[in-house]
N, C-alpha and C. Protein backbone atom coordinates (compact mmCIF):
# COMPACT_ATOMS: atom_id res chain seq x y z
N MET A 1 103.82 54.18 123.81
CA MET A 1 104.55 53.09 123.19
C MET A 1 103.92 51.77 123.62
N PHE A 2 103.09 51.18 122.76
CA PHE A 2 102.46 49.89 122.99
C PHE A 2 101.63 49.86 124.28
N GLY A 3 101.17 51.01 124.74
CA GLY A 3 100.38 51.06 125.95
C GLY A 3 101.19 50.84 127.22
N ILE A 4 102.50 50.97 127.13
CA ILE A 4 103.37 50.78 128.30
C ILE A 4 103.76 52.14 128.83
N GLY A 5 103.49 52.35 130.10
CA GLY A 5 103.82 53.63 130.73
C GLY A 5 105.19 53.61 131.36
N THR A 6 105.53 54.73 131.95
CA THR A 6 106.84 54.88 132.59
C THR A 6 107.02 53.90 133.74
N GLN A 7 105.98 53.71 134.54
CA GLN A 7 106.09 52.80 135.68
C GLN A 7 106.34 51.36 135.22
N GLU A 8 105.67 50.95 134.17
CA GLU A 8 105.87 49.60 133.67
C GLU A 8 107.29 49.40 133.15
N ILE A 9 107.80 50.41 132.45
CA ILE A 9 109.18 50.32 131.94
C ILE A 9 110.17 50.23 133.09
N LEU A 10 109.96 51.01 134.14
CA LEU A 10 110.85 50.95 135.31
C LEU A 10 110.78 49.59 135.98
N ILE A 11 109.60 49.02 136.09
CA ILE A 11 109.46 47.69 136.71
C ILE A 11 110.18 46.64 135.87
N ILE A 12 110.00 46.70 134.55
CA ILE A 12 110.68 45.75 133.66
C ILE A 12 112.19 45.89 133.79
N ALA A 13 112.68 47.13 133.81
CA ALA A 13 114.12 47.37 133.95
C ALA A 13 114.64 46.82 135.28
N LEU A 14 113.88 46.98 136.34
CA LEU A 14 114.27 46.48 137.66
C LEU A 14 114.33 44.95 137.65
N VAL A 15 113.35 44.31 137.04
CA VAL A 15 113.33 42.84 136.96
C VAL A 15 114.54 42.35 136.17
N ILE A 16 114.83 43.00 135.05
CA ILE A 16 115.99 42.61 134.25
C ILE A 16 117.27 42.77 135.06
N LEU A 17 117.38 43.87 135.78
CA LEU A 17 118.56 44.11 136.62
C LEU A 17 118.70 43.02 137.68
N LEU A 18 117.60 42.63 138.29
CA LEU A 18 117.65 41.59 139.31
C LEU A 18 117.98 40.23 138.72
N LEU A 19 117.46 39.94 137.54
CA LEU A 19 117.70 38.63 136.92
C LEU A 19 119.13 38.47 136.41
N PHE A 20 119.64 39.49 135.74
CA PHE A 20 120.92 39.36 135.07
C PHE A 20 122.08 40.02 135.81
N GLY A 21 121.81 40.93 136.70
CA GLY A 21 122.87 41.61 137.41
C GLY A 21 123.45 42.75 136.60
N GLY A 22 124.09 43.67 137.26
CA GLY A 22 124.62 44.87 136.62
C GLY A 22 125.74 44.61 135.64
N LYS A 23 126.52 43.56 135.85
CA LYS A 23 127.66 43.30 134.98
C LYS A 23 127.26 42.66 133.65
N LYS A 24 126.17 41.93 133.63
CA LYS A 24 125.73 41.24 132.41
C LYS A 24 124.95 42.15 131.47
N ILE A 25 124.33 43.19 131.97
CA ILE A 25 123.46 44.03 131.15
C ILE A 25 124.20 44.67 129.97
N PRO A 26 125.41 45.23 130.15
CA PRO A 26 126.10 45.79 128.98
C PRO A 26 126.36 44.74 127.88
N GLU A 27 126.68 43.52 128.29
CA GLU A 27 126.90 42.46 127.32
C GLU A 27 125.60 42.12 126.58
N LEU A 28 124.49 42.09 127.31
CA LEU A 28 123.20 41.81 126.69
C LEU A 28 122.83 42.90 125.70
N MET A 29 123.04 44.15 126.07
CA MET A 29 122.70 45.27 125.20
C MET A 29 123.59 45.30 123.96
N LYS A 30 124.86 44.91 124.14
CA LYS A 30 125.78 44.85 123.00
C LYS A 30 125.31 43.79 122.02
N GLY A 31 124.93 42.64 122.52
CA GLY A 31 124.41 41.58 121.67
C GLY A 31 123.11 41.99 120.98
N LEU A 32 122.24 42.67 121.71
CA LEU A 32 120.99 43.15 121.13
C LEU A 32 121.28 44.16 120.02
N GLY A 33 122.22 45.06 120.25
CA GLY A 33 122.59 46.05 119.24
C GLY A 33 123.14 45.40 117.98
N LYS A 34 123.97 44.38 118.15
CA LYS A 34 124.51 43.67 116.99
C LYS A 34 123.40 42.97 116.22
N GLY A 35 122.44 42.41 116.96
CA GLY A 35 121.32 41.73 116.31
C GLY A 35 120.47 42.70 115.50
N VAL A 36 120.19 43.87 116.06
CA VAL A 36 119.40 44.88 115.36
C VAL A 36 120.15 45.38 114.13
N LYS A 37 121.46 45.59 114.27
CA LYS A 37 122.27 46.05 113.13
C LYS A 37 122.25 45.01 112.02
N SER A 38 122.40 43.76 112.38
CA SER A 38 122.39 42.68 111.39
C SER A 38 121.03 42.59 110.70
N PHE A 39 119.96 42.77 111.45
CA PHE A 39 118.62 42.73 110.89
C PHE A 39 118.42 43.87 109.90
N LYS A 40 118.87 45.06 110.26
CA LYS A 40 118.74 46.22 109.37
C LYS A 40 119.54 46.01 108.08
N GLU A 41 120.75 45.48 108.20
CA GLU A 41 121.57 45.21 107.02
C GLU A 41 120.89 44.19 106.11
N GLY A 42 120.31 43.17 106.70
CA GLY A 42 119.60 42.16 105.92
C GLY A 42 118.40 42.75 105.21
N MET A 43 117.67 43.63 105.89
CA MET A 43 116.52 44.27 105.27
C MET A 43 116.95 45.18 104.13
N ASN A 44 118.07 45.89 104.30
CA ASN A 44 118.57 46.75 103.23
C ASN A 44 119.01 45.93 102.02
N GLU A 45 119.66 44.80 102.26
CA GLU A 45 120.07 43.93 101.15
C GLU A 45 118.85 43.39 100.41
N LEU A 46 117.82 43.01 101.15
CA LEU A 46 116.60 42.52 100.53
C LEU A 46 115.94 43.61 99.71
N ASP A 47 115.91 44.81 100.24
CA ASP A 47 115.32 45.96 99.54
C ASP A 47 116.08 46.24 98.25
N ASP A 48 117.41 46.22 98.33
CA ASP A 48 118.24 46.45 97.14
C ASP A 48 117.99 45.36 96.08
N SER A 49 117.89 44.13 96.53
CA SER A 49 117.65 43.01 95.62
C SER A 49 116.30 43.17 94.91
N VAL A 50 115.29 43.57 95.65
CA VAL A 50 113.96 43.78 95.05
C VAL A 50 114.01 44.91 94.03
N LYS A 51 114.71 46.00 94.36
CA LYS A 51 114.81 47.13 93.43
C LYS A 51 115.53 46.72 92.15
N LYS A 52 116.61 45.95 92.27
CA LYS A 52 117.35 45.50 91.09
C LYS A 52 116.48 44.61 90.22
N THR A 53 115.71 43.73 90.85
CA THR A 53 114.83 42.84 90.10
C THR A 53 113.75 43.63 89.37
N GLU A 54 113.20 44.63 90.05
CA GLU A 54 112.18 45.47 89.41
C GLU A 54 112.77 46.23 88.22
N GLU A 55 114.00 46.73 88.37
CA GLU A 55 114.65 47.46 87.27
C GLU A 55 114.89 46.53 86.07
N LYS A 56 115.32 45.29 86.33
CA LYS A 56 115.55 44.33 85.25
C LYS A 56 114.26 44.02 84.51
N GLU A 57 113.17 43.82 85.27
CA GLU A 57 111.89 43.53 84.65
C GLU A 57 111.37 44.72 83.85
N LYS A 58 111.63 45.92 84.36
CA LYS A 58 111.19 47.13 83.67
C LYS A 58 111.95 47.28 82.36
N ASP A 59 113.27 46.99 82.38
CA ASP A 59 114.09 47.09 81.16
C ASP A 59 113.65 46.06 80.11
N LYS A 60 113.24 44.88 80.54
CA LYS A 60 112.79 43.83 79.61
C LYS A 60 111.47 44.23 78.96
N GLY A 61 110.64 44.97 79.69
CA GLY A 61 109.33 45.35 79.18
C GLY A 61 109.39 46.44 78.15
N GLU A 62 110.45 47.18 78.08
CA GLU A 62 110.55 48.30 77.14
C GLU A 62 110.97 47.91 75.78
């Protein structure tokens, strides 16, 4: 994964734990999860919009 090994991931996790503390991490992950969900929903809406536009153009061409 991007040239990152297990040791590097553990070091990054340890640094995050030291910076934010154990109590803040669940809140950070919850916010990250909401952000990813929102991004996926936006991408799906964009995809649907593109498909509808293509269908309209295809219908006009016939």
